[in-house]
Amino acid sequence: MGKKVAALRKTGRLPAIAYGPKDKPSALSLQASEFKKIWQAAGESSVVTLQLAGDDKDVLIHEVAVHAVTGEPLHVDLYVIEKGKLLKVDVPLVFTGISPAVKTLGGVLVKVMHEIEVEAMPRSLPHELAVDISVLASFEDKITVADLLLPEGVTVSADPEEIVALVSEPKAEEEAPVAATIADIEVVGAKGKKEEDGATAEGEKE
């Protein structure tokens, strides 16, 4: 805690705090290299077992503060799960496959949603949800929440008709105005000069 945190990080440890509905906040330190491996595999929606002096607790990686430049984790918040209770968490959507409307028709894939809130028992929480965009064959096709394939025991509260992804038509490029050529400019300039000279000559003659 406090000024000792910097020295703690130099030893390869990572400061953390664990808390939950029935658990008071506890200051911890984690092995940084081990945590990064687990964080990459579990994300923030998969249950992780925290071992503390023989007392195992199921937790979620609730929030990770990272360095603005290096991206290295600086501090971790762990949420201790209350056993037997449903959890609501945001799960990332992973888009897979190739859309014919993009590949063949030149459309642009629009990802309206990048994550979605799901509810499930802790051990049933998915790490991510796959969205197959190969069903987007035309500009009229769309993927909605109702089309998502949910694992058993997992539900979502979002409107079933809410759009997850679609393909928009490519914008038509406007034709650029044709620029005048150098020859055109010279001809116009020469003609104007001759007319001006003629007017002057006539004036002198009078």
N, C-alpha and C. Protein backbone atom coordinates (compact mmCIF):
# COMPACT_ATOMS: atom_id res chain seq x y z
N MET A 1 0.84 -1.19 0.00
CA MET A 1 0.00 0.00 0.00
C MET A 1 0.88 1.25 0.00
N GLY A 2 0.34 2.37 -0.49
CA GLY A 2 1.07 3.64 -0.44
C GLY A 2 2.37 3.63 -1.20
N LYS A 3 3.45 4.14 -0.55
CA LYS A 3 4.74 4.28 -1.19
C LYS A 3 5.41 2.94 -1.48
N LYS A 4 4.92 1.88 -0.87
CA LYS A 4 5.55 0.57 -1.07
C LYS A 4 5.13 -0.09 -2.39
N VAL A 5 4.14 0.51 -3.05
CA VAL A 5 3.64 -0.09 -4.29
C VAL A 5 4.70 -0.14 -5.37
N ALA A 6 5.46 0.95 -5.54
CA ALA A 6 6.51 0.99 -6.57
C ALA A 6 7.54 -0.11 -6.33
N ALA A 7 7.94 -0.27 -5.08
CA ALA A 7 8.92 -1.31 -4.75
C ALA A 7 8.33 -2.69 -4.99
N LEU A 8 7.03 -2.83 -4.74
CA LEU A 8 6.35 -4.10 -4.96
C LEU A 8 6.39 -4.48 -6.44
N ARG A 9 6.11 -3.51 -7.32
CA ARG A 9 6.10 -3.79 -8.75
C ARG A 9 7.47 -4.18 -9.26
N LYS A 10 8.53 -3.63 -8.68
CA LYS A 10 9.89 -3.96 -9.11
C LYS A 10 10.24 -5.42 -8.84
N THR A 11 9.53 -6.04 -7.92
CA THR A 11 9.77 -7.45 -7.61
C THR A 11 8.92 -8.38 -8.48
N GLY A 12 8.16 -7.79 -9.43
CA GLY A 12 7.32 -8.62 -10.29
C GLY A 12 5.95 -8.91 -9.73
N ARG A 13 5.58 -8.17 -8.68
CA ARG A 13 4.26 -8.34 -8.09
C ARG A 13 3.32 -7.24 -8.55
N LEU A 14 2.03 -7.51 -8.50
CA LEU A 14 1.02 -6.58 -8.97
C LEU A 14 0.01 -6.31 -7.85
N PRO A 15 -0.16 -5.04 -7.44
CA PRO A 15 -1.13 -4.75 -6.38
C PRO A 15 -2.56 -5.00 -6.87
N ALA A 16 -3.39 -5.50 -5.96
CA ALA A 16 -4.77 -5.81 -6.31
C ALA A 16 -5.66 -5.65 -5.08
N ILE A 17 -6.95 -5.63 -5.34
CA ILE A 17 -7.92 -5.58 -4.25
C ILE A 17 -9.07 -6.51 -4.60
N ALA A 18 -9.52 -7.28 -3.61
CA ALA A 18 -10.63 -8.21 -3.82
C ALA A 18 -11.78 -7.81 -2.90
N TYR A 19 -12.99 -7.80 -3.46
CA TYR A 19 -14.16 -7.41 -2.68
C TYR A 19 -15.40 -8.05 -3.29
N GLY A 20 -16.47 -8.09 -2.52
CA GLY A 20 -17.71 -8.67 -3.01
C GLY A 20 -18.86 -8.36 -2.08
N PRO A 21 -20.07 -8.85 -2.39
CA PRO A 21 -21.25 -8.56 -1.56
C PRO A 21 -21.07 -8.99 -0.11
N LYS A 22 -20.35 -10.07 0.09
CA LYS A 22 -20.15 -10.58 1.46
C LYS A 22 -18.68 -10.60 1.85
N ASP A 23 -17.85 -9.93 1.07
CA ASP A 23 -16.41 -9.89 1.35
C ASP A 23 -15.93 -8.46 1.46
N LYS A 24 -15.34 -8.12 2.58
CA LYS A 24 -14.78 -6.79 2.76
C LYS A 24 -13.55 -6.63 1.86
N PRO A 25 -13.26 -5.43 1.39
CA PRO A 25 -12.08 -5.22 0.53
C PRO A 25 -10.80 -5.69 1.20
N SER A 26 -10.03 -6.47 0.45
CA SER A 26 -8.75 -6.99 0.93
C SER A 26 -7.65 -6.61 -0.03
N ALA A 27 -6.58 -6.01 0.50
CA ALA A 27 -5.43 -5.65 -0.33
C ALA A 27 -4.56 -6.88 -0.56
N LEU A 28 -4.22 -7.11 -1.83
CA LEU A 28 -3.45 -8.29 -2.22
C LEU A 28 -2.30 -7.91 -3.13
N SER A 29 -1.41 -8.87 -3.37
CA SER A 29 -0.43 -8.72 -4.44
C SER A 29 -0.42 -10.02 -5.23
N LEU A 30 -0.37 -9.90 -6.57
CA LEU A 30 -0.40 -11.05 -7.46
C LEU A 30 0.91 -11.15 -8.22
N GLN A 31 1.24 -12.35 -8.66
CA GLN A 31 2.40 -12.52 -9.53
C GLN A 31 2.02 -11.93 -10.89
N ALA A 32 2.69 -10.85 -11.31
CA ALA A 32 2.30 -10.10 -12.51
C ALA A 32 2.29 -10.97 -13.77
N SER A 33 3.33 -11.76 -13.97
CA SER A 33 3.41 -12.58 -15.19
C SER A 33 2.30 -13.61 -15.24
N GLU A 34 1.98 -14.20 -14.09
CA GLU A 34 0.91 -15.20 -14.03
C GLU A 34 -0.45 -14.55 -14.27
N PHE A 35 -0.64 -13.37 -13.70
CA PHE A 35 -1.91 -12.68 -13.87
C PHE A 35 -2.16 -12.35 -15.34
N LYS A 36 -1.14 -11.88 -16.06
CA LYS A 36 -1.32 -11.50 -17.46
C LYS A 36 -1.75 -12.69 -18.31
N LYS A 37 -1.22 -13.87 -18.02
CA LYS A 37 -1.62 -15.07 -18.75
C LYS A 37 -3.09 -15.38 -18.51
N ILE A 38 -3.51 -15.31 -17.24
CA ILE A 38 -4.89 -15.62 -16.88
C ILE A 38 -5.84 -14.57 -17.43
N TRP A 39 -5.43 -13.32 -17.37
CA TRP A 39 -6.26 -12.22 -17.88
C TRP A 39 -6.51 -12.38 -19.37
N GLN A 40 -5.46 -12.75 -20.12
CA GLN A 40 -5.59 -12.94 -21.56
C GLN A 40 -6.54 -14.10 -21.88
N ALA A 41 -6.50 -15.15 -21.07
CA ALA A 41 -7.33 -16.33 -21.33
C ALA A 41 -8.76 -16.15 -20.84
N ALA A 42 -8.94 -15.49 -19.68
CA ALA A 42 -10.26 -15.40 -19.07
C ALA A 42 -11.00 -14.12 -19.40
N GLY A 43 -10.27 -13.04 -19.68
CA GLY A 43 -10.92 -11.76 -19.90
C GLY A 43 -11.60 -11.29 -18.62
N GLU A 44 -12.71 -10.58 -18.78
CA GLU A 44 -13.42 -10.04 -17.62
C GLU A 44 -14.80 -10.67 -17.45
N SER A 45 -15.03 -11.80 -18.12
CA SER A 45 -16.34 -12.45 -18.00
C SER A 45 -16.25 -13.93 -17.66
N SER A 46 -15.05 -14.41 -17.38
CA SER A 46 -14.88 -15.81 -17.00
C SER A 46 -14.42 -15.89 -15.55
N VAL A 47 -14.88 -16.92 -14.87
CA VAL A 47 -14.57 -17.09 -13.45
C VAL A 47 -13.12 -17.55 -13.28
N VAL A 48 -12.44 -16.93 -12.33
CA VAL A 48 -11.06 -17.28 -12.00
C VAL A 48 -11.02 -17.69 -10.53
N THR A 49 -10.24 -18.70 -10.21
CA THR A 49 -10.09 -19.13 -8.83
C THR A 49 -8.91 -18.41 -8.19
N LEU A 50 -9.20 -17.71 -7.11
CA LEU A 50 -8.18 -16.99 -6.36
C LEU A 50 -7.82 -17.79 -5.12
N GLN A 51 -6.55 -18.16 -5.01
CA GLN A 51 -6.10 -18.96 -3.87
C GLN A 51 -5.45 -18.03 -2.84
N LEU A 52 -6.01 -18.01 -1.67
CA LEU A 52 -5.51 -17.16 -0.60
C LEU A 52 -5.34 -17.98 0.68
N ALA A 53 -4.10 -18.33 0.96
CA ALA A 53 -3.80 -19.06 2.19
C ALA A 53 -4.76 -20.23 2.42
N GLY A 54 -4.97 -21.01 1.36
CA GLY A 54 -5.84 -22.17 1.47
C GLY A 54 -7.31 -21.88 1.35
N ASP A 55 -7.67 -20.61 1.22
CA ASP A 55 -9.08 -20.23 1.08
C ASP A 55 -9.35 -19.84 -0.37
N ASP A 56 -9.90 -20.76 -1.16
CA ASP A 56 -10.16 -20.51 -2.57
C ASP A 56 -11.45 -19.70 -2.74
N LYS A 57 -11.38 -18.71 -3.60
CA LYS A 57 -12.55 -17.89 -3.88
C LYS A 57 -12.73 -17.77 -5.39
N ASP A 58 -13.97 -17.81 -5.84
CA ASP A 58 -14.28 -17.57 -7.25
C ASP A 58 -14.41 -16.07 -7.47
N VAL A 59 -13.66 -15.55 -8.43
CA VAL A 59 -13.68 -14.10 -8.67
C VAL A 59 -13.78 -13.82 -10.16
N LEU A 60 -14.17 -12.58 -10.47
CA LEU A 60 -14.12 -12.05 -11.82
C LEU A 60 -13.08 -10.93 -11.84
N ILE A 61 -12.32 -10.84 -12.93
CA ILE A 61 -11.40 -9.71 -13.10
C ILE A 61 -12.25 -8.51 -13.47
N HIS A 62 -12.58 -7.71 -12.47
CA HIS A 62 -13.58 -6.66 -12.65
C HIS A 62 -13.03 -5.44 -13.39
N GLU A 63 -11.83 -5.03 -13.03
CA GLU A 63 -11.25 -3.84 -13.66
C GLU A 63 -9.74 -3.89 -13.55
N VAL A 64 -9.07 -3.50 -14.62
CA VAL A 64 -7.60 -3.49 -14.65
C VAL A 64 -7.12 -2.12 -15.09
N ALA A 65 -6.34 -1.47 -14.23
CA ALA A 65 -5.72 -0.20 -14.59
C ALA A 65 -4.40 -0.51 -15.30
N VAL A 66 -4.20 0.09 -16.48
CA VAL A 66 -3.00 -0.20 -17.26
C VAL A 66 -2.20 1.07 -17.50
N HIS A 67 -0.91 0.88 -17.79
CA HIS A 67 -0.03 2.01 -18.09
C HIS A 67 -0.42 2.61 -19.44
N ALA A 68 -0.49 3.93 -19.51
CA ALA A 68 -0.96 4.61 -20.72
C ALA A 68 -0.06 4.36 -21.92
N VAL A 69 1.22 4.11 -21.70
CA VAL A 69 2.17 3.93 -22.81
C VAL A 69 2.46 2.46 -23.08
N THR A 70 2.81 1.71 -22.04
CA THR A 70 3.23 0.31 -22.23
C THR A 70 2.06 -0.67 -22.26
N GLY A 71 0.91 -0.26 -21.68
CA GLY A 71 -0.22 -1.18 -21.62
C GLY A 71 -0.09 -2.24 -20.54
N GLU A 72 0.96 -2.16 -19.73
CA GLU A 72 1.16 -3.13 -18.67
C GLU A 72 0.18 -2.87 -17.53
N PRO A 73 -0.39 -3.94 -16.93
CA PRO A 73 -1.31 -3.75 -15.82
C PRO A 73 -0.61 -3.13 -14.61
N LEU A 74 -1.30 -2.19 -13.97
CA LEU A 74 -0.75 -1.50 -12.80
C LEU A 74 -1.50 -1.85 -11.52
N HIS A 75 -2.80 -2.14 -11.66
CA HIS A 75 -3.61 -2.46 -10.49
C HIS A 75 -4.83 -3.26 -10.95
N VAL A 76 -5.29 -4.16 -10.09
CA VAL A 76 -6.39 -5.05 -10.47
C VAL A 76 -7.48 -5.03 -9.39
N ASP A 77 -8.73 -4.94 -9.85
CA ASP A 77 -9.89 -5.11 -8.97
C ASP A 77 -10.49 -6.48 -9.23
N LEU A 78 -10.64 -7.28 -8.19
CA LEU A 78 -11.23 -8.61 -8.31
C LEU A 78 -12.56 -8.64 -7.57
N TYR A 79 -13.61 -9.08 -8.27
CA TYR A 79 -14.94 -9.14 -7.67
C TYR A 79 -15.21 -10.57 -7.20
N VAL A 80 -15.38 -10.72 -5.88
CA VAL A 80 -15.63 -12.04 -5.31
C VAL A 80 -17.09 -12.41 -5.51
N ILE A 81 -17.31 -13.54 -6.16
CA ILE A 81 -18.66 -13.97 -6.53
C ILE A 81 -19.38 -14.59 -5.34
N GLU A 82 -20.65 -14.23 -5.22
CA GLU A 82 -21.49 -14.85 -4.21
C GLU A 82 -22.05 -16.15 -4.78
N LYS A 83 -21.73 -17.24 -4.15
CA LYS A 83 -22.12 -18.55 -4.67
C LYS A 83 -23.64 -18.70 -4.74
N GLY A 84 -24.10 -19.34 -5.82
CA GLY A 84 -25.51 -19.60 -6.00
C GLY A 84 -26.31 -18.43 -6.53
N LYS A 85 -25.63 -17.36 -6.92
CA LYS A 85 -26.30 -16.17 -7.41
C LYS A 85 -26.02 -15.97 -8.90
N LEU A 86 -27.05 -15.53 -9.65
CA LEU A 86 -26.87 -15.20 -11.05
C LEU A 86 -26.03 -13.93 -11.18
N LEU A 87 -25.24 -13.88 -12.24
CA LEU A 87 -24.40 -12.70 -12.48
C LEU A 87 -24.75 -12.07 -13.81
N LYS A 88 -24.64 -10.75 -13.87
CA LYS A 88 -24.80 -10.02 -15.12
C LYS A 88 -23.44 -9.39 -15.47
N VAL A 89 -22.94 -9.73 -16.65
CA VAL A 89 -21.66 -9.17 -17.09
C VAL A 89 -21.74 -8.85 -18.58
N ASP A 90 -20.88 -7.95 -19.02
CA ASP A 90 -20.77 -7.63 -20.45
C ASP A 90 -19.79 -8.59 -21.11
N VAL A 91 -20.23 -9.24 -22.16
CA VAL A 91 -19.41 -10.22 -22.88
C VAL A 91 -19.09 -9.67 -24.26
N PRO A 92 -17.82 -9.74 -24.68
CA PRO A 92 -17.46 -9.23 -26.01
C PRO A 92 -18.03 -10.09 -27.14
N LEU A 93 -18.36 -9.44 -28.25
CA LEU A 93 -18.81 -10.14 -29.46
C LEU A 93 -17.64 -10.28 -30.41
N VAL A 94 -17.43 -11.48 -30.92
CA VAL A 94 -16.34 -11.75 -31.86
C VAL A 94 -16.97 -12.09 -33.21
N PHE A 95 -16.64 -11.29 -34.23
CA PHE A 95 -17.24 -11.47 -35.55
C PHE A 95 -16.39 -12.42 -36.39
N THR A 96 -17.03 -13.47 -36.90
CA THR A 96 -16.33 -14.49 -37.67
C THR A 96 -16.96 -14.65 -39.05
N GLY A 97 -16.24 -15.33 -39.96
CA GLY A 97 -16.76 -15.60 -41.29
C GLY A 97 -16.56 -14.43 -42.25
N ILE A 98 -17.04 -14.61 -43.47
CA ILE A 98 -16.93 -13.60 -44.53
C ILE A 98 -18.32 -13.28 -45.06
N SER A 99 -18.65 -12.02 -45.11
CA SER A 99 -19.95 -11.59 -45.61
C SER A 99 -19.92 -11.46 -47.13
N PRO A 100 -20.82 -12.16 -47.86
CA PRO A 100 -20.88 -12.01 -49.32
C PRO A 100 -21.20 -10.57 -49.73
N ALA A 101 -21.98 -9.87 -48.92
CA ALA A 101 -22.32 -8.49 -49.25
C ALA A 101 -21.10 -7.57 -49.19
N VAL A 102 -20.12 -7.96 -48.40
CA VAL A 102 -18.88 -7.19 -48.32
C VAL A 102 -17.92 -7.62 -49.43
N LYS A 103 -17.73 -8.92 -49.55
CA LYS A 103 -16.76 -9.46 -50.50
C LYS A 103 -17.18 -9.26 -51.96
N THR A 104 -18.45 -9.54 -52.26
CA THR A 104 -18.92 -9.51 -53.64
C THR A 104 -19.52 -8.17 -54.05
N LEU A 105 -20.29 -7.57 -53.14
CA LEU A 105 -21.00 -6.33 -53.49
C LEU A 105 -20.24 -5.06 -53.07
N GLY A 106 -19.12 -5.24 -52.38
CA GLY A 106 -18.32 -4.08 -51.99
C GLY A 106 -18.90 -3.27 -50.86
N GLY A 107 -19.79 -3.89 -50.06
CA GLY A 107 -20.40 -3.18 -48.94
C GLY A 107 -19.45 -2.99 -47.77
N VAL A 108 -19.91 -2.25 -46.79
CA VAL A 108 -19.11 -1.96 -45.60
C VAL A 108 -19.78 -2.59 -44.39
N LEU A 109 -19.05 -3.43 -43.66
CA LEU A 109 -19.59 -4.07 -42.47
C LEU A 109 -19.74 -3.05 -41.35
N VAL A 110 -20.93 -2.97 -40.78
CA VAL A 110 -21.19 -2.04 -39.67
C VAL A 110 -21.47 -2.87 -38.42
N LYS A 111 -20.56 -2.79 -37.45
CA LYS A 111 -20.74 -3.50 -36.17
C LYS A 111 -21.44 -2.56 -35.21
N VAL A 112 -22.74 -2.74 -35.08
CA VAL A 112 -23.53 -1.86 -34.22
C VAL A 112 -23.24 -2.13 -32.75
N MET A 113 -23.03 -3.40 -32.41
CA MET A 113 -22.72 -3.79 -31.03
C MET A 113 -21.37 -4.48 -30.99
N HIS A 114 -20.61 -4.20 -29.95
CA HIS A 114 -19.31 -4.85 -29.76
C HIS A 114 -19.30 -5.74 -28.53
N GLU A 115 -20.28 -5.58 -27.65
CA GLU A 115 -20.44 -6.42 -26.48
C GLU A 115 -21.90 -6.42 -26.08
N ILE A 116 -22.27 -7.40 -25.27
CA ILE A 116 -23.67 -7.49 -24.85
C ILE A 116 -23.72 -8.03 -23.42
N GLU A 117 -24.69 -7.53 -22.66
CA GLU A 117 -24.84 -7.98 -21.28
C GLU A 117 -25.58 -9.31 -21.24
N VAL A 118 -24.99 -10.27 -20.53
CA VAL A 118 -25.62 -11.58 -20.38
C VAL A 118 -25.82 -11.87 -18.89
N GLU A 119 -26.70 -12.82 -18.62
CA GLU A 119 -26.94 -13.24 -17.24
C GLU A 119 -26.83 -14.75 -17.17
N ALA A 120 -26.09 -15.24 -16.18
CA ALA A 120 -25.90 -16.68 -16.04
C ALA A 120 -25.30 -16.98 -14.67
N MET A 121 -25.28 -18.24 -14.32
CA MET A 121 -24.55 -18.65 -13.13
C MET A 121 -23.05 -18.48 -13.41
N PRO A 122 -22.27 -18.21 -12.38
CA PRO A 122 -20.84 -17.89 -12.59
C PRO A 122 -20.10 -18.85 -13.51
N ARG A 123 -20.27 -20.13 -13.30
CA ARG A 123 -19.51 -21.10 -14.08
C ARG A 123 -20.05 -21.27 -15.50
N SER A 124 -21.21 -20.68 -15.79
CA SER A 124 -21.79 -20.77 -17.14
C SER A 124 -21.52 -19.53 -17.98
N LEU A 125 -20.86 -18.53 -17.39
CA LEU A 125 -20.60 -17.30 -18.13
C LEU A 125 -19.67 -17.57 -19.31
N PRO A 126 -20.04 -17.14 -20.51
CA PRO A 126 -19.16 -17.35 -21.67
C PRO A 126 -18.02 -16.33 -21.70
N HIS A 127 -16.90 -16.74 -22.24
CA HIS A 127 -15.77 -15.83 -22.38
C HIS A 127 -16.05 -14.79 -23.46
N GLU A 128 -16.76 -15.23 -24.51
CA GLU A 128 -17.14 -14.36 -25.63
C GLU A 128 -18.28 -15.02 -26.40
N LEU A 129 -18.92 -14.25 -27.27
CA LEU A 129 -19.98 -14.79 -28.12
C LEU A 129 -19.60 -14.57 -29.58
N ALA A 130 -19.68 -15.63 -30.37
CA ALA A 130 -19.33 -15.55 -31.79
C ALA A 130 -20.52 -15.08 -32.61
N VAL A 131 -20.25 -14.20 -33.58
CA VAL A 131 -21.28 -13.69 -34.50
C VAL A 131 -20.83 -14.02 -35.92
N ASP A 132 -21.57 -14.89 -36.59
CA ASP A 132 -21.21 -15.33 -37.94
C ASP A 132 -21.78 -14.35 -38.97
N ILE A 133 -20.91 -13.58 -39.61
CA ILE A 133 -21.39 -12.57 -40.56
C ILE A 133 -21.57 -13.13 -41.97
N SER A 134 -21.34 -14.42 -42.15
CA SER A 134 -21.53 -15.01 -43.49
C SER A 134 -23.00 -15.01 -43.91
N VAL A 135 -23.91 -14.76 -42.98
CA VAL A 135 -25.34 -14.72 -43.31
C VAL A 135 -25.72 -13.38 -43.95
N LEU A 136 -24.81 -12.43 -43.93
CA LEU A 136 -25.09 -11.11 -44.52
C LEU A 136 -24.76 -11.16 -46.01
N ALA A 137 -25.75 -11.62 -46.80
CA ALA A 137 -25.52 -11.80 -48.23
C ALA A 137 -25.96 -10.60 -49.06
N SER A 138 -26.81 -9.75 -48.50
CA SER A 138 -27.29 -8.58 -49.24
C SER A 138 -27.36 -7.39 -48.29
N PHE A 139 -27.65 -6.21 -48.84
CA PHE A 139 -27.74 -5.00 -48.03
C PHE A 139 -29.01 -4.98 -47.17
N GLU A 140 -29.95 -5.86 -47.47
CA GLU A 140 -31.18 -5.93 -46.69
C GLU A 140 -31.03 -6.84 -45.47
N ASP A 141 -30.01 -7.70 -45.48
CA ASP A 141 -29.81 -8.64 -44.38
C ASP A 141 -29.25 -7.93 -43.15
N LYS A 142 -29.56 -8.47 -41.99
CA LYS A 142 -29.04 -7.93 -40.74
C LYS A 142 -29.02 -9.02 -39.67
N ILE A 143 -28.17 -8.85 -38.70
CA ILE A 143 -28.08 -9.77 -37.57
C ILE A 143 -28.62 -9.06 -36.34
N THR A 144 -29.56 -9.67 -35.66
CA THR A 144 -30.16 -9.07 -34.46
C THR A 144 -29.78 -9.89 -33.23
N VAL A 145 -30.16 -9.35 -32.08
CA VAL A 145 -29.89 -10.05 -30.82
C VAL A 145 -30.54 -11.44 -30.82
N ALA A 146 -31.70 -11.54 -31.43
CA ALA A 146 -32.40 -12.83 -31.48
C ALA A 146 -31.61 -13.88 -32.26
N ASP A 147 -30.70 -13.46 -33.13
CA ASP A 147 -29.91 -14.39 -33.94
C ASP A 147 -28.69 -14.92 -33.21
N LEU A 148 -28.35 -14.35 -32.07
CA LEU A 148 -27.16 -14.79 -31.34
C LEU A 148 -27.35 -16.19 -30.78
N LEU A 149 -26.32 -17.01 -30.90
CA LEU A 149 -26.35 -18.37 -30.35
C LEU A 149 -25.82 -18.33 -28.92
N LEU A 150 -26.70 -18.52 -27.96
CA LEU A 150 -26.34 -18.43 -26.55
C LEU A 150 -26.11 -19.82 -25.97
N PRO A 151 -25.06 -19.98 -25.16
CA PRO A 151 -24.84 -21.27 -24.49
C PRO A 151 -25.99 -21.57 -23.53
N GLU A 152 -26.12 -22.81 -23.18
CA GLU A 152 -27.18 -23.22 -22.25
C GLU A 152 -27.03 -22.51 -20.91
N GLY A 153 -28.12 -22.00 -20.40
CA GLY A 153 -28.09 -21.33 -19.11
C GLY A 153 -27.74 -19.87 -19.18
N VAL A 154 -27.56 -19.34 -20.41
CA VAL A 154 -27.18 -17.94 -20.59
C VAL A 154 -28.34 -17.20 -21.25
N THR A 155 -28.70 -16.05 -20.71
CA THR A 155 -29.77 -15.24 -21.28
C THR A 155 -29.28 -13.80 -21.46
N VAL A 156 -30.01 -13.05 -22.30
CA VAL A 156 -29.70 -11.63 -22.49
C VAL A 156 -30.97 -10.82 -22.25
N SER A 157 -30.80 -9.59 -21.79
CA SER A 157 -31.96 -8.74 -21.51
C SER A 157 -32.23 -7.74 -22.63
N ALA A 158 -31.32 -7.67 -23.61
CA ALA A 158 -31.48 -6.71 -24.70
C ALA A 158 -32.68 -7.07 -25.56
N ASP A 159 -33.23 -6.07 -26.24
CA ASP A 159 -34.36 -6.26 -27.16
C ASP A 159 -33.96 -7.24 -28.27
N PRO A 160 -34.73 -8.30 -28.48
CA PRO A 160 -34.39 -9.29 -29.52
C PRO A 160 -34.26 -8.68 -30.91
N GLU A 161 -34.97 -7.56 -31.16
CA GLU A 161 -34.92 -6.94 -32.48
C GLU A 161 -33.76 -5.95 -32.63
N GLU A 162 -33.01 -5.72 -31.56
CA GLU A 162 -31.90 -4.78 -31.64
C GLU A 162 -30.83 -5.30 -32.60
N ILE A 163 -30.34 -4.43 -33.46
CA ILE A 163 -29.40 -4.84 -34.51
C ILE A 163 -27.99 -5.00 -33.94
N VAL A 164 -27.36 -6.10 -34.31
CA VAL A 164 -25.98 -6.38 -33.91
C VAL A 164 -25.02 -5.97 -35.01
N ALA A 165 -25.35 -6.32 -36.26
CA ALA A 165 -24.48 -5.99 -37.39
C ALA A 165 -25.28 -5.98 -38.68
N LEU A 166 -24.79 -5.21 -39.65
CA LEU A 166 -25.38 -5.17 -40.99
C LEU A 166 -24.31 -4.69 -41.96
N VAL A 167 -24.67 -4.69 -43.24
CA VAL A 167 -23.74 -4.22 -44.28
C VAL A 167 -24.39 -3.04 -45.00
N SER A 168 -23.68 -1.94 -45.05
CA SER A 168 -24.20 -0.76 -45.74
C SER A 168 -23.64 -0.68 -47.15
N GLU A 169 -24.40 -0.05 -48.03
CA GLU A 169 -23.96 0.09 -49.43
C GLU A 169 -22.80 1.07 -49.51
N PRO A 170 -21.87 0.82 -50.43
CA PRO A 170 -20.75 1.76 -50.59
C PRO A 170 -21.24 3.09 -51.15
N LYS A 171 -20.65 4.16 -50.70
CA LYS A 171 -21.03 5.49 -51.18
C LYS A 171 -20.48 5.72 -52.58
N ALA A 172 -21.32 6.26 -53.48
CA ALA A 172 -20.88 6.54 -54.85
C ALA A 172 -19.92 7.72 -54.84
N GLU A 173 -18.82 7.57 -55.55
CA GLU A 173 -17.84 8.65 -55.61
C GLU A 173 -18.30 9.73 -56.57
N GLU A 174 -18.25 10.97 -56.13
CA GLU A 174 -18.64 12.09 -56.98
C GLU A 174 -17.55 12.37 -58.01
N GLU A 175 -17.98 12.67 -59.25
CA GLU A 175 -17.02 12.97 -60.30
C GLU A 175 -16.40 14.34 -60.06
N ALA A 176 -15.09 14.39 -60.16
CA ALA A 176 -14.39 15.66 -59.95
C ALA A 176 -14.59 16.56 -61.16
N PRO A 177 -14.77 17.87 -60.99
CA PRO A 177 -14.93 18.78 -62.13
C PRO A 177 -13.68 18.77 -63.01
N VAL A 178 -13.90 18.85 -64.32
CA VAL A 178 -12.78 18.83 -65.27
C VAL A 178 -12.07 20.17 -65.22
N ALA A 179 -10.79 20.12 -64.95
CA ALA A 179 -10.00 21.35 -64.86
C ALA A 179 -9.66 21.88 -66.24
N ALA A 180 -9.60 23.19 -66.37
CA ALA A 180 -9.23 23.79 -67.65
C ALA A 180 -7.78 23.50 -67.97
N THR A 181 -7.49 23.21 -69.23
CA THR A 181 -6.12 22.91 -69.63
C THR A 181 -5.36 24.20 -69.84
N ILE A 182 -4.03 24.08 -69.90
CA ILE A 182 -3.19 25.25 -70.11
C ILE A 182 -3.49 25.88 -71.47
N ALA A 183 -3.74 25.02 -72.49
CA ALA A 183 -4.03 25.52 -73.83
C ALA A 183 -5.28 26.39 -73.82
N ASP A 184 -6.32 25.93 -73.07
CA ASP A 184 -7.56 26.70 -72.99
C ASP A 184 -7.30 28.07 -72.38
N ILE A 185 -6.50 28.09 -71.33
CA ILE A 185 -6.22 29.36 -70.65
C ILE A 185 -5.48 30.31 -71.57
N GLU A 186 -4.54 29.78 -72.34
CA GLU A 186 -3.75 30.63 -73.25
C GLU A 186 -4.63 31.21 -74.36
N VAL A 187 -5.53 30.38 -74.90
CA VAL A 187 -6.39 30.84 -75.99
C VAL A 187 -7.30 31.95 -75.51
N VAL A 188 -7.92 31.73 -74.35
CA VAL A 188 -8.82 32.75 -73.81
C VAL A 188 -8.08 34.04 -73.54
N GLY A 189 -6.88 33.92 -73.00
CA GLY A 189 -6.08 35.10 -72.70
C GLY A 189 -5.69 35.84 -73.95
N ALA A 190 -5.30 35.10 -75.00
CA ALA A 190 -4.88 35.73 -76.25
C ALA A 190 -6.03 36.42 -76.93
N LYS A 191 -7.21 35.79 -76.91
CA LYS A 191 -8.39 36.38 -77.54
C LYS A 191 -8.77 37.68 -76.85
N GLY A 192 -8.73 37.67 -75.53
CA GLY A 192 -9.08 38.86 -74.77
C GLY A 192 -8.14 40.00 -75.06
N LYS A 193 -6.84 39.67 -75.22
CA LYS A 193 -5.85 40.70 -75.47
C LYS A 193 -6.05 41.34 -76.84
N LYS A 194 -6.38 40.50 -77.86
CA LYS A 194 -6.60 41.02 -79.21
C LYS A 194 -7.78 41.98 -79.25
N GLU A 195 -8.88 41.59 -78.56
CA GLU A 195 -10.07 42.46 -78.54
C GLU A 195 -9.75 43.79 -77.90
N GLU A 196 -8.92 43.74 -76.86
CA GLU A 196 -8.56 44.98 -76.16
C GLU A 196 -7.70 45.85 -77.04
N ASP A 197 -6.75 45.25 -77.77
CA ASP A 197 -5.88 46.01 -78.68
C ASP A 197 -6.70 46.64 -79.78
N GLY A 198 -7.71 45.89 -80.31
CA GLY A 198 -8.55 46.42 -81.39
C GLY A 198 -9.33 47.63 -80.94
N ALA A 199 -9.84 47.61 -79.76
CA ALA A 199 -10.62 48.73 -79.23
C ALA A 199 -9.76 49.96 -79.08
N THR A 200 -8.52 49.75 -78.66
CA THR A 200 -7.61 50.89 -78.48
C THR A 200 -7.24 51.52 -79.80
N ALA A 201 -6.97 50.65 -80.81
CA ALA A 201 -6.57 51.15 -82.14
C ALA A 201 -7.70 52.00 -82.76
N GLU A 202 -8.92 51.50 -82.63
CA GLU A 202 -10.04 52.21 -83.20
C GLU A 202 -10.21 53.58 -82.52
N GLY A 203 -9.96 53.61 -81.25
CA GLY A 203 -10.10 54.87 -80.53
C GLY A 203 -9.09 55.89 -80.99
N GLU A 204 -7.87 55.45 -81.28
CA GLU A 204 -6.82 56.37 -81.75
C GLU A 204 -7.14 56.89 -83.15
N LYS A 205 -7.76 55.97 -83.99
CA LYS A 205 -8.06 56.33 -85.36
C LYS A 205 -9.10 57.42 -85.40
N GLU A 206 -10.09 57.36 -84.49
CA GLU A 206 -11.11 58.42 -84.45
C GLU A 206 -10.48 59.75 -84.02
